[in-house]
PDB file of all heavy atoms in Angstrom:
ATOM      1  N   LEU A   1      61.581  46.399 -78.542  1.00  0.00           N
ATOM      2  CA  LEU A   1      60.308  46.048 -77.930  1.00  0.00           C
ATOM      3  C   LEU A   1      60.566  45.277 -76.643  1.00  0.00           C
ATOM      4  O   LEU A   1      61.486  44.465 -76.570  1.00  0.00           O
ATOM      5  CB  LEU A   1      59.489  45.207 -78.889  1.00  0.00           C
ATOM      6  CG  LEU A   1      59.068  45.897 -80.173  1.00  0.00           C
ATOM      7  CD1 LEU A   1      58.488  44.899 -81.154  1.00  0.00           C
ATOM      8  CD2 LEU A   1      58.069  47.010 -79.878  1.00  0.00           C
ATOM      9  N   PRO A   2      59.686  45.457 -75.635  1.00  0.00           N
ATOM     10  CA  PRO A   2      59.815  44.695 -74.379  1.00  0.00           C
ATOM     11  C   PRO A   2      59.697  43.187 -74.675  1.00  0.00           C
ATOM     12  O   PRO A   2      59.020  42.770 -75.610  1.00  0.00           O
ATOM     13  CB  PRO A   2      58.630  45.188 -73.546  1.00  0.00           C
ATOM     14  CG  PRO A   2      58.269  46.514 -74.121  1.00  0.00           C
ATOM     15  CD  PRO A   2      58.596  46.452 -75.569  1.00  0.00           C
ATOM     16  N   ALA A   3      60.321  42.399 -73.840  1.00  0.00           N
ATOM     17  CA  ALA A   3      60.374  40.947 -74.024  1.00  0.00           C
ATOM     18  C   ALA A   3      59.012  40.295 -74.112  1.00  0.00           C
ATOM     19  O   ALA A   3      58.823  39.328 -74.847  1.00  0.00           O
ATOM     20  CB  ALA A   3      61.186  40.311 -72.898  1.00  0.00           C
ATOM     21  N   GLU A   4      58.016  40.784 -73.379  1.00  0.00           N
ATOM     22  CA  GLU A   4      56.696  40.140 -73.335  1.00  0.00           C
ATOM     23  C   GLU A   4      55.771  40.555 -74.485  1.00  0.00           C
ATOM     24  O   GLU A   4      54.642  40.140 -74.533  1.00  0.00           O
ATOM     25  CB  GLU A   4      56.016  40.432 -71.984  1.00  0.00           C
ATOM     26  CG  GLU A   4      55.621  41.897 -71.776  1.00  0.00           C
ATOM     27  CD  GLU A   4      56.733  42.824 -71.360  1.00  0.00           C
ATOM     28  OE1 GLU A   4      57.885  42.370 -71.134  1.00  0.00           O
ATOM     29  OE2 GLU A   4      56.479  44.038 -71.284  1.00  0.00           O
ATOM     30  N   THR A   5      56.248  41.376 -75.401  1.00  0.00           N
ATOM     31  CA  THR A   5      55.423  41.889 -76.517  1.00  0.00           C
ATOM     32  C   THR A   5      54.983  40.756 -77.441  1.00  0.00           C
ATOM     33  O   THR A   5      55.772  39.876 -77.791  1.00  0.00           O
ATOM     34  CB  THR A   5      56.206  42.942 -77.320  1.00  0.00           C
ATOM     35  OG1 THR A   5      56.625  43.966 -76.425  1.00  0.00           O
ATOM     36  CG2 THR A   5      55.364  43.520 -78.427  1.00  0.00           C
ATOM     37  N   THR A   6      53.692  40.806 -77.847  1.00  0.00           N
ATOM     38  CA  THR A   6      53.168  39.930 -78.898  1.00  0.00           C
ATOM     39  C   THR A   6      52.319  40.795 -79.812  1.00  0.00           C
ATOM     40  O   THR A   6      51.533  41.620 -79.340  1.00  0.00           O
ATOM     41  CB  THR A   6      52.283  38.818 -78.274  1.00  0.00           C
ATOM     42  OG1 THR A   6      53.071  38.061 -77.364  1.00  0.00           O
ATOM     43  CG2 THR A   6      51.763  37.898 -79.348  1.00  0.00           C
ATOM     44  N   ILE A   7      52.477  40.604 -81.110  1.00  0.00           N
ATOM     45  CA  ILE A   7      51.707  41.388 -82.080  1.00  0.00           C
ATOM     46  C   ILE A   7      50.600  40.551 -82.678  1.00  0.00           C
ATOM     47  O   ILE A   7      50.600  39.312 -82.572  1.00  0.00           O
ATOM     48  CB  ILE A   7      52.610  41.970 -83.177  1.00  0.00           C
ATOM     49  CG1 ILE A   7      53.206  40.863 -84.047  1.00  0.00           C
ATOM     50  CG2 ILE A   7      53.703  42.844 -82.579  1.00  0.00           C
ATOM     51  CD1 ILE A   7      53.837  41.357 -85.330  1.00  0.00           C
ATOM     52  N   ASP A   8      49.634  41.229 -83.344  1.00  0.00           N
ATOM     53  CA  ASP A   8      48.546  40.512 -84.012  1.00  0.00           C
ATOM     54  C   ASP A   8      48.351  40.947 -85.456  1.00  0.00           C
ATOM     55  O   ASP A   8      47.504  40.423 -86.167  1.00  0.00           O
ATOM     56  CB  ASP A   8      47.233  40.638 -83.232  1.00  0.00           C
ATOM     57  CG  ASP A   8      46.800  42.066 -82.996  1.00  0.00           C
ATOM     58  OD1 ASP A   8      47.198  42.976 -83.762  1.00  0.00           O
ATOM     59  OD2 ASP A   8      46.067  42.291 -82.015  1.00  0.00           O
ATOM     60  N   ARG A   9      49.152  41.925 -85.911  1.00  0.00           N
ATOM     61  CA  ARG A   9      49.023  42.415 -87.297  1.00  0.00           C
ATOM     62  C   ARG A   9      50.307  43.010 -87.764  1.00  0.00           C
ATOM     63  O   ARG A   9      50.993  43.726 -87.041  1.00  0.00           O
ATOM     64  CB  ARG A   9      47.900  43.440 -87.370  1.00  0.00           C
ATOM     65  CG  ARG A   9      47.564  43.917 -88.758  1.00  0.00           C
ATOM     66  CD  ARG A   9      46.325  44.817 -88.715  1.00  0.00           C
ATOM     67  NE  ARG A   9      45.829  45.105 -90.048  1.00  0.00           N
ATOM     68  CZ  ARG A   9      45.040  44.323 -90.757  1.00  0.00           C
ATOM     69  NH1 ARG A   9      44.648  43.170 -90.271  1.00  0.00           N
ATOM     70  NH2 ARG A   9      44.655  44.682 -91.981  1.00  0.00           N
ATOM     71  N   ILE A  10      50.635  42.734 -89.036  1.00  0.00           N
ATOM     72  CA  ILE A  10      51.759  43.334 -89.733  1.00  0.00           C
ATOM     73  C   ILE A  10      51.199  44.040 -90.968  1.00  0.00           C
ATOM     74  O   ILE A  10      50.434  43.421 -91.720  1.00  0.00           O
ATOM     75  CB  ILE A  10      52.797  42.273 -90.149  1.00  0.00           C
ATOM     76  CG1 ILE A  10      53.400  41.569 -88.946  1.00  0.00           C
ATOM     77  CG2 ILE A  10      53.883  42.883 -91.049  1.00  0.00           C
ATOM     78  CD1 ILE A  10      54.246  40.354 -89.281  1.00  0.00           C
ATOM     79  N   VAL A  11      51.577  45.294 -91.171  1.00  0.00           N
ATOM     80  CA  VAL A  11      51.159  46.010 -92.375  1.00  0.00           C
ATOM     81  C   VAL A  11      52.401  46.444 -93.121  1.00  0.00           C
ATOM     82  O   VAL A  11      53.263  47.124 -92.563  1.00  0.00           O
ATOM     83  CB  VAL A  11      50.277  47.247 -92.022  1.00  0.00           C
ATOM     84  CG1 VAL A  11      49.958  48.054 -93.278  1.00  0.00           C
ATOM     85  CG2 VAL A  11      48.997  46.817 -91.317  1.00  0.00           C
ATOM     86  N   VAL A  12      52.493  46.027 -94.385  1.00  0.00           N
ATOM     87  CA  VAL A  12      53.600  46.413 -95.257  1.00  0.00           C
ATOM     88  C   VAL A  12      53.067  47.409 -96.258  1.00  0.00           C
ATOM     89  O   VAL A  12      52.119  47.115 -96.998  1.00  0.00           O
ATOM     90  CB  VAL A  12      54.184  45.190 -95.972  1.00  0.00           C
ATOM     91  CG1 VAL A  12      55.257  45.612 -97.008  1.00  0.00           C
ATOM     92  CG2 VAL A  12      54.761  44.186 -94.978  1.00  0.00           C
ATOM     93  N   GLU A  13      53.672  48.592 -96.270  1.00  0.00           N
ATOM     94  CA  GLU A  13      53.332  49.622 -97.249  1.00  0.00           C
ATOM     95  C   GLU A  13      54.462  49.637 -98.264  1.00  0.00           C
ATOM     96  O   GLU A  13      55.514  50.201 -98.005  1.00  0.00           O
ATOM     97  CB  GLU A  13      53.185  50.977 -96.571  1.00  0.00           C
ATOM     98  CG  GLU A  13      52.042  51.015 -95.557  1.00  0.00           C
ATOM     99  CD  GLU A  13      52.118  52.225 -94.670  1.00  0.00           C
ATOM    100  OE1 GLU A  13      51.520  53.259 -95.063  1.00  0.00           O
ATOM    101  OE2 GLU A  13      52.778  52.157 -93.618  1.00  0.00           O
ATOM    102  N   LYS A  14      54.232  48.977 -99.387  1.00  0.00           N
ATOM    103  CA  LYS A  14      55.308  48.785-100.386  1.00  0.00           C
ATOM    104  C   LYS A  14      55.859  50.111-100.895  1.00  0.00           C
ATOM    105  O   LYS A  14      57.083  50.266-100.968  1.00  0.00           O
ATOM    106  CB  LYS A  14      54.797  47.907-101.539  1.00  0.00           C
ATOM    107  CG  LYS A  14      54.538  46.471-101.138  1.00  0.00           C
ATOM    108  CD  LYS A  14      53.873  45.645-102.227  1.00  0.00           C
ATOM    109  CE  LYS A  14      54.428  45.824-103.586  1.00  0.00           C
ATOM    110  NZ  LYS A  14      53.800  44.947-104.602  1.00  0.00           N
ATOM    111  N   SER A  15      54.995  51.038-101.256  1.00  0.00           N
ATOM    112  CA  SER A  15      55.496  52.294-101.853  1.00  0.00           C
ATOM    113  C   SER A  15      56.332  53.096-100.862  1.00  0.00           C
ATOM    114  O   SER A  15      57.216  53.833-101.291  1.00  0.00           O
ATOM    115  CB  SER A  15      54.321  53.126-102.352  1.00  0.00           C
ATOM    116  OG  SER A  15      53.454  53.465-101.293  1.00  0.00           O
ATOM    117  N   ALA A  16      56.065  52.947 -99.580  1.00  0.00           N
ATOM    118  CA  ALA A  16      56.839  53.672 -98.559  1.00  0.00           C
ATOM    119  C   ALA A  16      58.022  52.860 -98.037  1.00  0.00           C
ATOM    120  O   ALA A  16      58.794  53.354 -97.209  1.00  0.00           O
ATOM    121  CB  ALA A  16      55.927  54.056 -97.392  1.00  0.00           C
ATOM    122  N   ARG A  17      58.128  51.585 -98.474  1.00  0.00           N
ATOM    123  CA  ARG A  17      59.177  50.668 -97.994  1.00  0.00           C
ATOM    124  C   ARG A  17      59.149  50.621 -96.465  1.00  0.00           C
ATOM    125  O   ARG A  17      60.133  50.827 -95.782  1.00  0.00           O
ATOM    126  CB  ARG A  17      60.582  51.057 -98.463  1.00  0.00           C
ATOM    127  CG  ARG A  17      60.758  51.173 -99.959  1.00  0.00           C
ATOM    128  CD  ARG A  17      60.463  49.873-100.690  1.00  0.00           C
ATOM    129  NE  ARG A  17      60.791  49.912-102.080  1.00  0.00           N
ATOM    130  CZ  ARG A  17      59.988  50.409-103.042  1.00  0.00           C
ATOM    131  NH1 ARG A  17      58.808  50.926-102.732  1.00  0.00           N
ATOM    132  NH2 ARG A  17      60.329  50.375-104.301  1.00  0.00           N
ATOM    133  N   ARG A  18      57.938  50.326 -95.942  1.00  0.00           N
ATOM    134  CA  ARG A  18      57.726  50.391 -94.497  1.00  0.00           C
ATOM    135  C   ARG A  18      56.897  49.173 -94.033  1.00  0.00           C
ATOM    136  O   ARG A  18      55.911  48.829 -94.665  1.00  0.00           O
ATOM    137  CB  ARG A  18      56.979  51.671 -94.182  1.00  0.00           C
ATOM    138  CG  ARG A  18      56.746  51.979 -92.753  1.00  0.00           C
ATOM    139  CD  ARG A  18      56.240  53.393 -92.551  1.00  0.00           C
ATOM    140  NE  ARG A  18      55.148  53.756 -93.419  1.00  0.00           N
ATOM    141  CZ  ARG A  18      54.978  54.979 -93.921  1.00  0.00           C
ATOM    142  NH1 ARG A  18      55.815  55.938 -93.654  1.00  0.00           N
ATOM    143  NH2 ARG A  18      53.940  55.239 -94.705  1.00  0.00           N
ATOM    144  N   LEU A  19      57.329  48.553 -92.938  1.00  0.00           N
ATOM    145  CA  LEU A  19      56.610  47.464 -92.283  1.00  0.00           C
ATOM    146  C   LEU A  19      56.280  47.929 -90.873  1.00  0.00           C
ATOM    147  O   LEU A  19      57.184  48.301 -90.130  1.00  0.00           O
ATOM    148  CB  LEU A  19      57.482  46.195 -92.248  1.00  0.00           C
ATOM    149  CG  LEU A  19      56.875  44.940 -91.626  1.00  0.00           C
ATOM    150  CD1 LEU A  19      57.496  43.685 -92.246  1.00  0.00           C
ATOM    151  CD2 LEU A  19      57.046  44.887 -90.117  1.00  0.00           C
ATOM    152  N   SER A  20      54.994  47.946 -90.540  1.00  0.00           N
ATOM    153  CA  SER A  20      54.565  48.369 -89.203  1.00  0.00           C
ATOM    154  C   SER A  20      53.915  47.189 -88.492  1.00  0.00           C
ATOM    155  O   SER A  20      53.259  46.356 -89.132  1.00  0.00           O
ATOM    156  CB  SER A  20      53.555  49.529 -89.289  1.00  0.00           C
ATOM    157  OG  SER A  20      54.131  50.630 -89.934  1.00  0.00           O
ATOM    158  N   ILE A  21      54.097  47.141 -87.183  1.00  0.00           N
ATOM    159  CA  ILE A  21      53.511  46.054 -86.388  1.00  0.00           C
ATOM    160  C   ILE A  21      52.514  46.645 -85.386  1.00  0.00           C
ATOM    161  O   ILE A  21      52.723  47.745 -84.865  1.00  0.00           O
ATOM    162  CB  ILE A  21      54.588  45.198 -85.716  1.00  0.00           C
ATOM    163  CG1 ILE A  21      55.497  46.035 -84.815  1.00  0.00           C
ATOM    164  CG2 ILE A  21      55.380  44.433 -86.773  1.00  0.00           C
ATOM    165  CD1 ILE A  21      56.536  45.191 -84.032  1.00  0.00           C
ATOM    166  N   PHE A  22      51.454  45.886 -85.124  1.00  0.00           N
ATOM    167  CA  PHE A  22      50.345  46.340 -84.304  1.00  0.00           C
ATOM    168  C   PHE A  22      49.921  45.302 -83.281  1.00  0.00           C
ATOM    169  O   PHE A  22      50.048  44.098 -83.529  1.00  0.00           O
ATOM    170  CB  PHE A  22      49.123  46.635 -85.188  1.00  0.00           C
ATOM    171  CG  PHE A  22      49.325  47.706 -86.193  1.00  0.00           C
ATOM    172  CD1 PHE A  22      50.000  47.468 -87.403  1.00  0.00           C
ATOM    173  CD2 PHE A  22      48.857  48.992 -85.960  1.00  0.00           C
ATOM    174  CE1 PHE A  22      50.166  48.460 -88.340  1.00  0.00           C
ATOM    175  CE2 PHE A  22      49.020  50.003 -86.897  1.00  0.00           C
ATOM    176  CZ  PHE A  22      49.683  49.739 -88.094  1.00  0.00           C
ATOM    177  N   THR A  23      49.377  45.787 -82.169  1.00  0.00           N
ATOM    178  CA  THR A  23      48.688  44.965 -81.193  1.00  0.00           C
ATOM    179  C   THR A  23      47.384  45.686 -80.866  1.00  0.00           C
ATOM    180  O   THR A  23      47.411  46.867 -80.504  1.00  0.00           O
ATOM    181  CB  THR A  23      49.523  44.792 -79.909  1.00  0.00           C
ATOM    182  OG1 THR A  23      50.694  44.079 -80.222  1.00  0.00           O
ATOM    183  CG2 THR A  23      48.754  44.042 -78.836  1.00  0.00           C
ATOM    184  N   ASP A  24      46.265  44.975 -81.017  1.00  0.00           N
ATOM    185  CA  ASP A  24      44.939  45.558 -80.728  1.00  0.00           C
ATOM    186  C   ASP A  24      44.747  46.920 -81.403  1.00  0.00           C
ATOM    187  O   ASP A  24      44.239  47.857 -80.788  1.00  0.00           O
ATOM    188  CB  ASP A  24      44.747  45.693 -79.203  1.00  0.00           C
ATOM    189  CG  ASP A  24      44.744  44.335 -78.500  1.00  0.00           C
ATOM    190  OD1 ASP A  24      44.243  43.373 -79.105  1.00  0.00           O
ATOM    191  OD2 ASP A  24      45.230  44.262 -77.369  1.00  0.00           O
ATOM    192  N   GLY A  25      45.176  47.035 -82.633  1.00  0.00           N
ATOM    193  CA  GLY A  25      44.989  48.271 -83.409  1.00  0.00           C
ATOM    194  C   GLY A  25      45.986  49.373 -83.088  1.00  0.00           C
ATOM    195  O   GLY A  25      45.953  50.425 -83.734  1.00  0.00           O
ATOM    196  N   LYS A  26      46.862  49.158 -82.144  1.00  0.00           N
ATOM    197  CA  LYS A  26      47.828  50.193 -81.764  1.00  0.00           C
ATOM    198  C   LYS A  26      49.180  49.899 -82.432  1.00  0.00           C
ATOM    199  O   LYS A  26      49.731  48.795 -82.270  1.00  0.00           O
ATOM    200  CB  LYS A  26      48.024  50.200 -80.247  1.00  0.00           C
ATOM    201  CG  LYS A  26      49.012  51.236 -79.783  1.00  0.00           C
ATOM    202  CD  LYS A  26      49.206  51.200 -78.274  1.00  0.00           C
ATOM    203  CE  LYS A  26      50.276  52.194 -77.908  1.00  0.00           C
ATOM    204  NZ  LYS A  26      51.084  51.782 -76.793  1.00  0.00           N
ATOM    205  N   LYS A  27      49.711  50.884 -83.178  1.00  0.00           N
ATOM    206  CA  LYS A  27      50.985  50.704 -83.832  1.00  0.00           C
ATOM    207  C   LYS A  27      52.082  50.707 -82.768  1.00  0.00           C
ATOM    208  O   LYS A  27      52.187  51.630 -81.953  1.00  0.00           O
ATOM    209  CB  LYS A  27      51.248  51.819 -84.859  1.00  0.00           C
ATOM    210  CG  LYS A  27      52.538  51.598 -85.652  1.00  0.00           C
ATOM    211  CD  LYS A  27      52.897  52.757 -86.534  1.00  0.00           C
ATOM    212  CE  LYS A  27      51.932  52.935 -87.644  1.00  0.00           C
ATOM    213  NZ  LYS A  27      52.401  53.967 -88.626  1.00  0.00           N
ATOM    214  N   LEU A  28      52.925  49.659 -82.794  1.00  0.00           N
ATOM    215  CA  LEU A  28      54.030  49.533 -81.836  1.00  0.00           C
ATOM    216  C   LEU A  28      55.342  50.023 -82.394  1.00  0.00           C
ATOM    217  O   LEU A  28      56.151  50.574 -81.658  1.00  0.00           O
ATOM    218  CB  LEU A  28      54.170  48.082 -81.360  1.00  0.00           C
ATOM    219  CG  LEU A  28      52.980  47.446 -80.665  1.00  0.00           C
ATOM    220  CD1 LEU A  28      53.321  46.025 -80.300  1.00  0.00           C
ATOM    221  CD2 LEU A  28      52.586  48.256 -79.457  1.00  0.00           C
ATOM    222  N   LYS A  29      55.567  49.738 -83.687  1.00  0.00           N
ATOM    223  CA  LYS A  29      56.875  50.022 -84.246  1.00  0.00           C
ATOM    224  C   LYS A  29      56.813  49.942 -85.762  1.00  0.00           C
ATOM    225  O   LYS A  29      55.970  49.242 -86.327  1.00  0.00           O
ATOM    226  CB  LYS A  29      57.894  48.977 -83.725  1.00  0.00           C
ATOM    227  CG  LYS A  29      59.316  49.299 -84.058  1.00  0.00           C
ATOM    228  CD  LYS A  29      60.256  48.424 -83.230  1.00  0.00           C
ATOM    229  CE  LYS A  29      61.696  48.838 -83.481  1.00  0.00           C
ATOM    230  NZ  LYS A  29      62.607  48.068 -82.658  1.00  0.00           N
ATOM    231  N   THR A  30      57.718  50.652 -86.420  1.00  0.00           N
ATOM    232  CA  THR A  30      57.830  50.620 -87.866  1.00  0.00           C
ATOM    233  C   THR A  30      59.280  50.345 -88.235  1.00  0.00           C
ATOM    234  O   THR A  30      60.201  50.856 -87.606  1.00  0.00           O
ATOM    235  CB  THR A  30      57.391  51.976 -88.481  1.00  0.00           C
ATOM    236  OG1 THR A  30      56.004  52.178 -88.127  1.00  0.00           O
ATOM    237  CG2 THR A  30      57.539  51.988 -89.972  1.00  0.00           C
ATOM    238  N   TYR A  31      59.465  49.507 -89.267  1.00  0.00           N
ATOM    239  CA  TYR A  31      60.790  49.156 -89.778  1.00  0.00           C
ATOM    240  C   TYR A  31      60.872  49.599 -91.226  1.00  0.00           C
ATOM    241  O   TYR A  31      59.886  49.527 -91.963  1.00  0.00           O
ATOM    242  CB  TYR A  31      61.038  47.645 -89.744  1.00  0.00           C
ATOM    243  CG  TYR A  31      60.863  47.001 -88.400  1.00  0.00           C
ATOM    244  CD1 TYR A  31      59.630  46.489 -87.994  1.00  0.00           C
ATOM    245  CD2 TYR A  31      61.950  46.863 -87.540  1.00  0.00           C
ATOM    246  CE1 TYR A  31      59.489  45.853 -86.763  1.00  0.00           C
ATOM    247  CE2 TYR A  31      61.828  46.231 -86.318  1.00  0.00           C
ATOM    248  CZ  TYR A  31      60.582  45.737 -85.926  1.00  0.00           C
ATOM    249  OH  TYR A  31      60.441  45.107 -84.712  1.00  0.00           O
ATOM    250  N   ARG A  32      62.050  49.969 -91.687  1.00  0.00           N
ATOM    251  CA  ARG A  32      62.288  50.212 -93.104  1.00  0.00           C
ATOM    252  C   ARG A  32      62.687  48.875 -93.741  1.00  0.00           C
ATOM    253  O   ARG A  32      63.390  48.080 -93.118  1.00  0.00           O
ATOM    254  CB  ARG A  32      63.397  51.263 -93.274  1.00  0.00           C
ATOM    255  CG  ARG A  32      62.892  52.626 -92.818  1.00  0.00           C
ATOM    256  CD  ARG A  32      63.922  53.747 -92.894  1.00  0.00           C
ATOM    257  NE  ARG A  32      64.715  53.665 -94.086  1.00  0.00           N
ATOM    258  CZ  ARG A  32      66.046  53.843 -94.105  1.00  0.00           C
ATOM    259  NH1 ARG A  32      66.699  54.112 -93.004  1.00  0.00           N
ATOM    260  NH2 ARG A  32      66.703  53.768 -95.235  1.00  0.00           N
ATOM    261  N   ILE A  33      62.243  48.648 -94.980  1.00  0.00           N
ATOM    262  CA  ILE A  33      62.404  47.351 -95.619  1.00  0.00           C
ATOM    263  C   ILE A  33      62.918  47.465 -97.035  1.00  0.00           C
ATOM    264  O   ILE A  33      62.906  48.529 -97.645  1.00  0.00           O
ATOM    265  CB  ILE A  33      61.025  46.603 -95.642  1.00  0.00           C
ATOM    266  CG1 ILE A  33      59.984  47.445 -96.399  1.00  0.00           C
ATOM    267  CG2 ILE A  33      60.576  46.243 -94.248  1.00  0.00           C
ATOM    268  CD1 ILE A  33      58.675  46.738 -96.674  1.00  0.00           C
ATOM    269  N   ALA A  34      63.325  46.332 -97.577  1.00  0.00           N
ATOM    270  CA  ALA A  34      63.598  46.151 -99.010  1.00  0.00           C
ATOM    271  C   ALA A  34      62.582  45.126 -99.528  1.00  0.00           C
ATOM    272  O   ALA A  34      62.134  44.257 -98.790  1.00  0.00           O
ATOM    273  CB  ALA A  34      65.023  45.662 -99.238  1.00  0.00           C
ATOM    274  N   LEU A  35      62.234  45.243-100.789  1.00  0.00           N
ATOM    275  CA  LEU A  35      61.230  44.388-101.415  1.00  0.00           C
ATOM    276  C   LEU A  35      61.827  43.604-102.595  1.00  0.00           C
ATOM    277  O   LEU A  35      63.033  43.618-102.813  1.00  0.00           O
ATOM    278  CB  LEU A  35      60.072  45.240-101.922  1.00  0.00           C
ATOM    279  CG  LEU A  35      59.310  46.049-100.877  1.00  0.00           C
ATOM    280  CD1 LEU A  35      58.377  47.042-101.533  1.00  0.00           C
ATOM    281  CD2 LEU A  35      58.550  45.131 -99.938  1.00  0.00           C
ATOM    282  N   GLY A  36      60.921  43.001-103.381  1.00  0.00           N
ATOM    283  CA  GLY A  36      61.335  42.319-104.595  1.00  0.00           C
ATOM    284  C   GLY A  36      61.932  43.306-105.587  1.00  0.00           C
ATOM    285  O   GLY A  36      61.597  44.504-105.566  1.00  0.00           O
ATOM    286  N   ARG A  37      62.759  42.824-106.463  1.00  0.00           N
ATOM    287  CA  ARG A  37      63.497  43.685-107.411  1.00  0.00           C
ATOM    288  C   ARG A  37      62.591  44.443-108.380  1.00  0.00           C
ATOM    289  O   ARG A  37      63.015  45.391-109.018  1.00  0.00           O
ATOM    290  CB  ARG A  37      64.495  42.854-108.201  1.00  0.00           C
ATOM    291  CG  ARG A  37      65.678  42.410-107.382  1.00  0.00           C
ATOM    292  CD  ARG A  37      66.692  41.695-108.230  1.00  0.00           C
ATOM    293  NE  ARG A  37      66.275  40.369-108.577  1.00  0.00           N
ATOM    294  CZ  ARG A  37      66.697  39.268-107.965  1.00  0.00           C
ATOM    295  NH1 ARG A  37      67.557  39.334-106.991  1.00  0.00           N
ATOM    296  NH2 ARG A  37      66.253  38.093-108.357  1.00  0.00           N
ATOM    297  N   ASN A  38      61.339  44.018-108.501  1.00  0.00           N
ATOM    298  CA  ASN A  38      60.376  44.669-109.384  1.00  0.00           C
ATOM    299  C   ASN A  38      59.138  45.011-108.541  1.00  0.00           C
ATOM    300  O   ASN A  38      58.101  44.388-108.673  1.00  0.00           O
ATOM    301  CB  ASN A  38      60.015  43.679-110.524  1.00  0.00           C
ATOM    302  CG  ASN A  38      59.177  44.310-111.597  1.00  0.00           C
ATOM    303  OD1 ASN A  38      59.045  45.510-111.698  1.00  0.00           O
ATOM    304  ND2 ASN A  38      58.562  43.456-112.393  1.00  0.00           N
ATOM    305  N   PRO A  39      59.236  46.013-107.664  1.00  0.00           N
ATOM    306  CA  PRO A  39      58.255  46.167-106.598  1.00  0.00           C
ATOM    307  C   PRO A  39      56.912  46.802-106.967  1.00  0.00           C
ATOM    308  O   PRO A  39      55.967  46.733-106.202  1.00  0.00           O
ATOM    309  CB  PRO A  39      58.980  47.068-105.601  1.00  0.00           C
ATOM    310  CG  PRO A  39      59.878  47.882-106.446  1.00  0.00           C
ATOM    311  CD  PRO A  39      60.342  46.974-107.555  1.00  0.00           C
ATOM    312  N   ILE A  40      56.802  47.421-108.129  1.00  0.00           N
ATOM    313  CA  ILE A  40      55.556  48.102-108.496  1.00  0.00           C
ATOM    314  C   ILE A  40      54.507  47.080-108.954  1.00  0.00           C
ATOM    315  O   ILE A  40      54.770  46.297-109.843  1.00  0.00           O
ATOM    316  CB  ILE A  40      55.783  49.156-109.594  1.00  0.00           C
ATOM    317  CG1 ILE A  40      56.897  50.125-109.215  1.00  0.00           C
ATOM    318  CG2 ILE A  40      54.489  49.903-109.916  1.00  0.00           C
ATOM    319  CD1 ILE A  40      56.650  50.945-107.970  1.00  0.00           C
ATOM    320  N   GLY A  41      53.345  47.124-108.327  1.00  0.00           N
ATOM    321  CA  GLY A  41      52.260  46.210-108.686  1.00  0.00           C
ATOM    322  C   GLY A  41      52.295  44.929-107.877  1.00  0.00           C
ATOM    323  O   GLY A  41      53.286  44.600-107.227  1.00  0.00           O
ATOM    324  N   ALA A  42      51.184  44.216-107.939  1.00  0.00           N
ATOM    325  CA  ALA A  42      51.029  42.970-107.199  1.00  0.00           C
ATOM    326  C   ALA A  42      51.706  41.829-107.930  1.00  0.00           C
ATOM    327  O   ALA A  42      51.819  41.818-109.160  1.00  0.00           O
ATOM    328  CB  ALA A  42      49.550  42.649-107.008  1.00  0.00           C
TER     329      ALA A  42
END
């Protein structure tokens, strides 16, 4: 991401193991993630 980037929202989709970042509703980037050892359910 460019140095001046600032985000306003992070969305984690647990089942997809994906974290996406947004600015003004526009998706900027997605990362692959690891979760808790027992990830199903809240």
